Amino acid sequence: RALFLVGGENSGLPEELLAGAELSVAIPGAGGVESLNLACAASVLLWEHWRTWQRERAVSAPAGTSRPRAGPRPKKQHRR
């Protein structure tokens, strides 16, 4: 289980919340923009969490079981 707290651009999160966190992350920028808005930052955070969870789940799957795909399933080709 995880609880994601996303702080505002200027003020971030209160120190009381940060003190109780097991992990604190920052999204590095490429220099094009100063910061991301809350929706964009949350999207990046949730995508990376999902991607990591999929990768860990695939590695820990018992032998002989189907492993989850990291991306969308390919479309079936129908022959005419």
C-alpha atoms as a PDB file:
ATOM      1  CA  ARG A   1       0.000   0.000   0.000  1.00  0.00           C
ATOM      2  CA  ALA A   2       1.111   3.483  -0.712  1.00  0.00           C
ATOM      3  CA  LEU A   3      -0.037   6.978   0.041  1.00  0.00           C
ATOM      4  CA  PHE A   4       1.040   9.674  -2.375  1.00  0.00           C
ATOM      5  CA  LEU A   5       1.136  13.278  -1.213  1.00  0.00           C
ATOM      6  CA  VAL A   6       1.850  15.905  -3.839  1.00  0.00           C
ATOM      7  CA  GLY A   7       2.828  19.379  -2.754  1.00  0.00           C
ATOM      8  CA  GLY A   8       2.258  22.708  -4.416  1.00  0.00           C
ATOM      9  CA  GLU A   9       4.823  24.392  -6.657  1.00  0.00           C
ATOM     10  CA  ASN A  10       5.811  27.111  -4.208  1.00  0.00           C
ATOM     11  CA  SER A  11       5.210  25.730  -0.748  1.00  0.00           C
ATOM     12  CA  GLY A  12       5.584  21.969  -1.227  1.00  0.00           C
ATOM     13  CA  LEU A  13       4.377  19.855   1.691  1.00  0.00           C
ATOM     14  CA  PRO A  14       4.347  20.837   5.370  1.00  0.00           C
ATOM     15  CA  GLU A  15       7.413  19.724   7.342  1.00  0.00           C
ATOM     16  CA  GLU A  16       5.188  17.623   9.647  1.00  0.00           C
ATOM     17  CA  LEU A  17       4.116  15.445   6.699  1.00  0.00           C
ATOM     18  CA  LEU A  18       7.623  15.160   5.284  1.00  0.00           C
ATOM     19  CA  ALA A  19       8.980  14.088   8.687  1.00  0.00           C
ATOM     20  CA  GLY A  20       6.652  11.072   8.720  1.00  0.00           C
ATOM     21  CA  ALA A  21       7.374   9.966   5.149  1.00  0.00           C
ATOM     22  CA  GLU A  22       9.390   6.843   4.361  1.00  0.00           C
ATOM     23  CA  LEU A  23      10.387   8.245   0.988  1.00  0.00           C
ATOM     24  CA  SER A  24      10.468  11.652  -0.617  1.00  0.00           C
ATOM     25  CA  VAL A  25      10.984  12.089  -4.367  1.00  0.00           C
ATOM     26  CA  ALA A  26      11.478  14.987  -6.744  1.00  0.00           C
ATOM     27  CA  ILE A  27      10.901  15.005 -10.488  1.00  0.00           C
ATOM     28  CA  PRO A  28      14.016  16.227 -12.280  1.00  0.00           C
ATOM     29  CA  GLY A  29      13.421  18.737 -15.028  1.00  0.00           C
ATOM     30  CA  ALA A  30      15.088  19.110 -18.396  1.00  0.00           C
ATOM     31  CA  GLY A  31      15.416  22.875 -18.092  1.00  0.00           C
ATOM     32  CA  GLY A  32      12.504  23.743 -20.390  1.00  0.00           C
ATOM     33  CA  VAL A  33      10.124  24.627 -17.570  1.00  0.00           C
ATOM     34  CA  GLU A  34      10.727  25.647 -13.982  1.00  0.00           C
ATOM     35  CA  SER A  35       8.234  23.195 -12.478  1.00  0.00           C
ATOM     36  CA  LEU A  36       5.248  20.974 -13.274  1.00  0.00           C
ATOM     37  CA  ASN A  37       1.716  21.745 -12.162  1.00  0.00           C
ATOM     38  CA  LEU A  38       0.092  19.398  -9.668  1.00  0.00           C
ATOM     39  CA  ALA A  39      -1.782  17.288 -12.243  1.00  0.00           C
ATOM     40  CA  CYS A  40       1.329  16.741 -14.362  1.00  0.00           C
ATOM     41  CA  ALA A  41       3.496  15.903 -11.361  1.00  0.00           C
ATOM     42  CA  ALA A  42       0.920  13.431 -10.013  1.00  0.00           C
ATOM     43  CA  SER A  43       0.647  11.801 -13.456  1.00  0.00           C
ATOM     44  CA  VAL A  44       4.409  11.277 -13.648  1.00  0.00           C
ATOM     45  CA  LEU A  45       4.497   9.908 -10.103  1.00  0.00           C
ATOM     46  CA  LEU A  46       1.627   7.453 -10.643  1.00  0.00           C
ATOM     47  CA  TRP A  47       2.998   6.280 -14.008  1.00  0.00           C
ATOM     48  CA  GLU A  48       6.413   5.503 -12.514  1.00  0.00           C
ATOM     49  CA  HIS A  49       4.802   3.715  -9.560  1.00  0.00           C
ATOM     50  CA  TRP A  50       2.685   1.570 -11.910  1.00  0.00           C
ATOM     51  CA  ARG A  51       5.678   0.811 -14.154  1.00  0.00           C
ATOM     52  CA  THR A  52       7.835  -0.240 -11.196  1.00  0.00           C
ATOM     53  CA  TRP A  53       5.018  -2.366  -9.767  1.00  0.00           C
ATOM     54  CA  GLN A  54       4.570  -4.155 -13.124  1.00  0.00           C
ATOM     55  CA  ARG A  55       8.305  -4.832 -13.391  1.00  0.00           C
ATOM     56  CA  GLU A  56       8.550  -6.186  -9.821  1.00  0.00           C
ATOM     57  CA  ARG A  57       5.450  -8.304 -10.314  1.00  0.00           C
ATOM     58  CA  ALA A  58       6.883  -9.836 -13.504  1.00  0.00           C
ATOM     59  CA  VAL A  59      10.171 -10.693 -11.786  1.00  0.00           C
ATOM     60  CA  SER A  60       8.487 -12.277  -8.758  1.00  0.00           C
ATOM     61  CA  ALA A  61       5.925 -14.362 -10.717  1.00  0.00           C
ATOM     62  CA  PRO A  62       6.356 -18.123 -10.089  1.00  0.00           C
ATOM     63  CA  ALA A  63       7.720 -20.206 -12.956  1.00  0.00           C
ATOM     64  CA  GLY A  64       5.062 -21.426 -15.340  1.00  0.00           C
ATOM     65  CA  THR A  65       2.643 -18.576 -14.672  1.00  0.00           C
ATOM     66  CA  SER A  66       1.773 -15.895 -17.132  1.00  0.00           C
ATOM     67  CA  ARG A  67       3.559 -12.672 -16.466  1.00  0.00           C
ATOM     68  CA  PRO A  68       1.846  -9.309 -16.811  1.00  0.00           C
ATOM     69  CA  ARG A  69       2.606  -7.262 -19.887  1.00  0.00           C
ATOM     70  CA  ALA A  70       4.252  -3.894 -19.455  1.00  0.00           C
ATOM     71  CA  GLY A  71       2.235  -2.276 -22.227  1.00  0.00           C
ATOM     72  CA  PRO A  72      -0.977  -2.707 -24.186  1.00  0.00           C
ATOM     73  CA  ARG A  73      -1.699  -6.087 -25.702  1.00  0.00           C
ATOM     74  CA  PRO A  74      -1.074  -6.379 -29.424  1.00  0.00           C
ATOM     75  CA  LYS A  75      -4.153  -6.498 -31.617  1.00  0.00           C
ATOM     76  CA  LYS A  76      -5.008  -9.854 -33.104  1.00  0.00           C
ATOM     77  CA  GLN A  77      -4.559 -10.121 -36.835  1.00  0.00           C
ATOM     78  CA  HIS A  78      -7.683 -11.417 -38.580  1.00  0.00           C
ATOM     79  CA  ARG A  79      -7.122 -13.222 -41.844  1.00  0.00           C
ATOM     80  CA  ARG A  80      -9.646 -12.955 -44.628  1.00  0.00           C
END
